[in-house]
N, C-alpha and C. Protein backbone atom coordinates (compact mmCIF):
# COMPACT_ATOMS: atom_id res chain seq x y z
N MET A 1 96.59 104.08 95.32
CA MET A 1 97.02 104.18 93.95
C MET A 1 96.31 103.11 93.13
N THR A 2 95.98 103.44 91.92
CA THR A 2 95.35 102.52 91.00
C THR A 2 96.17 102.45 89.73
N THR A 3 96.35 101.26 89.20
CA THR A 3 97.07 101.07 87.95
C THR A 3 96.06 100.76 86.86
N VAL A 4 96.19 101.45 85.73
CA VAL A 4 95.29 101.25 84.61
C VAL A 4 96.12 100.99 83.36
N PHE A 5 95.76 99.96 82.63
CA PHE A 5 96.42 99.67 81.36
C PHE A 5 95.45 100.07 80.26
N ILE A 6 95.91 100.91 79.33
CA ILE A 6 95.04 101.40 78.25
C ILE A 6 95.66 101.02 76.92
N ASP A 7 94.90 100.33 76.10
CA ASP A 7 95.32 99.99 74.75
C ASP A 7 95.17 101.26 73.91
N THR A 8 96.26 101.81 73.46
CA THR A 8 96.25 103.11 72.77
C THR A 8 96.02 103.00 71.27
N SER A 9 95.47 101.89 70.82
CA SER A 9 95.28 101.74 69.37
C SER A 9 94.08 102.53 68.85
N SER A 10 93.20 102.99 69.73
CA SER A 10 92.04 103.74 69.25
C SER A 10 92.19 105.23 69.58
N GLU A 11 91.51 106.05 68.81
CA GLU A 11 91.53 107.49 69.04
C GLU A 11 90.91 107.82 70.39
N GLU A 12 89.85 107.13 70.75
CA GLU A 12 89.20 107.37 72.04
C GLU A 12 90.17 107.13 73.20
N ALA A 13 90.94 106.06 73.13
CA ALA A 13 91.92 105.75 74.17
C ALA A 13 92.98 106.84 74.25
N ARG A 14 93.43 107.33 73.11
CA ARG A 14 94.44 108.40 73.12
C ARG A 14 93.88 109.68 73.73
N ARG A 15 92.60 109.95 73.50
CA ARG A 15 91.96 111.13 74.11
C ARG A 15 91.87 110.97 75.62
N ILE A 16 91.59 109.76 76.08
CA ILE A 16 91.55 109.52 77.52
C ILE A 16 92.92 109.79 78.13
N ILE A 17 93.96 109.33 77.49
CA ILE A 17 95.31 109.56 78.00
C ILE A 17 95.63 111.05 78.04
N GLU A 18 95.26 111.77 77.00
CA GLU A 18 95.50 113.21 76.99
C GLU A 18 94.75 113.90 78.13
N PHE A 19 93.53 113.46 78.40
CA PHE A 19 92.78 114.00 79.53
C PHE A 19 93.51 113.73 80.84
N LEU A 20 93.97 112.49 81.03
CA LEU A 20 94.67 112.14 82.27
C LEU A 20 95.93 112.97 82.45
N LYS A 21 96.62 113.27 81.36
CA LYS A 21 97.81 114.11 81.44
C LYS A 21 97.47 115.53 81.89
N SER A 22 96.24 115.96 81.65
CA SER A 22 95.86 117.34 81.94
C SER A 22 95.42 117.57 83.38
N VAL A 23 95.21 116.51 84.13
CA VAL A 23 94.76 116.68 85.51
C VAL A 23 95.91 116.48 86.48
N LYS A 24 95.87 117.22 87.58
CA LYS A 24 97.01 117.20 88.50
C LYS A 24 97.08 115.93 89.36
N TYR A 25 96.01 115.18 89.48
CA TYR A 25 96.00 114.02 90.35
C TYR A 25 96.36 112.71 89.64
N ALA A 26 96.70 112.77 88.37
CA ALA A 26 97.06 111.56 87.63
C ALA A 26 98.46 111.72 87.05
N LYS A 27 99.20 110.63 87.00
CA LYS A 27 100.52 110.62 86.38
C LYS A 27 100.51 109.52 85.33
N VAL A 28 100.84 109.88 84.11
CA VAL A 28 100.81 108.93 83.00
C VAL A 28 102.24 108.52 82.67
N PHE A 29 102.48 107.22 82.65
CA PHE A 29 103.77 106.67 82.25
C PHE A 29 103.56 106.01 80.90
N GLU A 30 104.13 106.59 79.87
CA GLU A 30 103.92 106.06 78.52
C GLU A 30 105.13 105.30 78.02
N GLY A 31 104.85 104.41 77.10
CA GLY A 31 105.92 103.75 76.38
C GLY A 31 106.67 102.69 77.16
N ARG A 32 106.13 102.29 78.26
CA ARG A 32 106.80 101.26 79.05
C ARG A 32 105.99 99.98 79.01
N GLU A 33 106.61 98.92 78.58
CA GLU A 33 105.98 97.62 78.65
C GLU A 33 106.38 97.02 79.99
N LEU A 34 105.42 96.71 80.79
CA LEU A 34 105.71 96.11 82.08
C LEU A 34 105.95 94.62 81.90
N ASN A 35 107.00 94.12 82.54
CA ASN A 35 107.24 92.68 82.46
C ASN A 35 106.33 91.96 83.45
N ILE A 36 106.26 90.67 83.35
CA ILE A 36 105.32 89.88 84.15
C ILE A 36 105.63 90.00 85.64
N GLU A 37 106.91 90.12 86.00
CA GLU A 37 107.26 90.25 87.42
C GLU A 37 106.71 91.55 87.99
N THR A 38 106.78 92.63 87.22
CA THR A 38 106.26 93.92 87.68
C THR A 38 104.75 93.87 87.80
N ILE A 39 104.09 93.29 86.82
CA ILE A 39 102.63 93.17 86.87
C ILE A 39 102.21 92.33 88.08
N ASP A 40 102.91 91.24 88.34
CA ASP A 40 102.61 90.40 89.51
C ASP A 40 102.81 91.19 90.81
N ALA A 41 103.89 91.96 90.88
CA ALA A 41 104.17 92.75 92.08
C ALA A 41 103.08 93.79 92.31
N ILE A 42 102.65 94.45 91.26
CA ILE A 42 101.58 95.45 91.38
C ILE A 42 100.31 94.78 91.87
N SER A 43 99.99 93.62 91.32
CA SER A 43 98.78 92.89 91.74
C SER A 43 98.85 92.51 93.22
N LYS A 44 100.01 92.06 93.67
CA LYS A 44 100.15 91.68 95.07
C LYS A 44 99.96 92.88 95.99
N VAL A 45 100.50 94.01 95.62
CA VAL A 45 100.33 95.22 96.43
C VAL A 45 98.86 95.61 96.48
N GLU A 46 98.19 95.57 95.34
CA GLU A 46 96.77 95.92 95.29
C GLU A 46 95.91 94.97 96.12
N GLU A 47 96.36 93.73 96.25
CA GLU A 47 95.63 92.73 97.04
C GLU A 47 96.03 92.77 98.52
N GLY A 48 96.97 93.64 98.86
CA GLY A 48 97.39 93.77 100.25
C GLY A 48 98.47 92.80 100.69
N GLU A 49 99.08 92.12 99.74
CA GLU A 49 100.15 91.17 100.05
C GLU A 49 101.47 91.92 100.16
N VAL A 50 101.63 92.63 101.26
CA VAL A 50 102.84 93.41 101.48
C VAL A 50 103.40 93.11 102.87
N THR A 51 104.66 93.36 103.04
CA THR A 51 105.29 93.23 104.35
C THR A 51 105.48 94.62 104.90
N GLU A 52 105.03 94.82 106.13
CA GLU A 52 105.16 96.13 106.76
C GLU A 52 106.20 96.05 107.87
N TYR A 53 106.92 97.14 108.04
CA TYR A 53 107.93 97.24 109.08
C TYR A 53 107.62 98.46 109.94
N GLY A 54 107.95 98.38 111.22
CA GLY A 54 107.66 99.46 112.14
C GLY A 54 108.59 100.65 111.98
N SER A 55 109.75 100.40 111.38
CA SER A 55 110.74 101.48 111.23
C SER A 55 111.71 101.12 110.12
N VAL A 56 112.49 102.09 109.72
CA VAL A 56 113.53 101.85 108.71
C VAL A 56 114.56 100.88 109.27
N THR A 57 114.84 100.98 110.55
CA THR A 57 115.80 100.07 111.19
C THR A 57 115.31 98.63 111.08
N ASP A 58 114.02 98.39 111.34
CA ASP A 58 113.47 97.04 111.20
C ASP A 58 113.59 96.54 109.77
N LEU A 59 113.30 97.40 108.80
CA LEU A 59 113.42 97.04 107.40
C LEU A 59 114.86 96.68 107.06
N MET A 60 115.80 97.52 107.47
CA MET A 60 117.21 97.27 107.15
C MET A 60 117.69 95.97 107.81
N ASN A 61 117.26 95.72 109.03
CA ASN A 61 117.64 94.46 109.69
C ASN A 61 117.13 93.26 108.92
N ALA A 62 115.89 93.33 108.44
CA ALA A 62 115.32 92.23 107.66
C ALA A 62 116.07 92.05 106.34
N LEU A 63 116.40 93.15 105.68
CA LEU A 63 117.15 93.05 104.43
C LEU A 63 118.54 92.50 104.66
N ASN A 64 119.19 92.92 105.73
CA ASN A 64 120.53 92.40 106.03
C ASN A 64 120.49 90.91 106.33
N LYS A 65 119.45 90.45 107.03
CA LYS A 65 119.32 89.01 107.30
C LYS A 65 119.15 88.23 106.01
N LYS A 66 118.33 88.76 105.08
CA LYS A 66 118.15 88.10 103.79
C LYS A 66 119.47 88.08 103.02
N GLY A 67 120.20 89.18 103.07
CA GLY A 67 121.49 89.26 102.39
C GLY A 67 122.49 88.27 102.95
N ASP A 68 122.47 88.09 104.28
CA ASP A 68 123.38 87.13 104.90
C ASP A 68 123.10 85.71 104.43
N SER A 69 121.82 85.36 104.30
CA SER A 69 121.48 84.00 103.88
C SER A 69 121.80 83.76 102.41
N VAL A 70 121.79 84.82 101.60
CA VAL A 70 122.12 84.68 100.18
C VAL A 70 123.61 84.44 100.01
N GLN A 71 124.43 85.05 100.86
CA GLN A 71 125.88 84.93 100.74
C GLN A 71 126.39 83.57 101.18
N ASP A 72 125.63 82.85 102.00
CA ASP A 72 126.09 81.55 102.51
C ASP A 72 126.12 80.50 101.44
């Protein structure tokens, strides 16, 4: 997946967005201002800074452990 930010102030940019809406392999999310935390998270994923789990059970165990430490 690739994230693209387009400044829609020009007619050319609006035409690009209309083109992207017309193709089946692109999804356009309009009108959303991403906050800095979301932009940072997207950047980390693109750079490969992710945690992988072997199964849903492993993921849930890790989340439960984090939850236990937060409650203490």
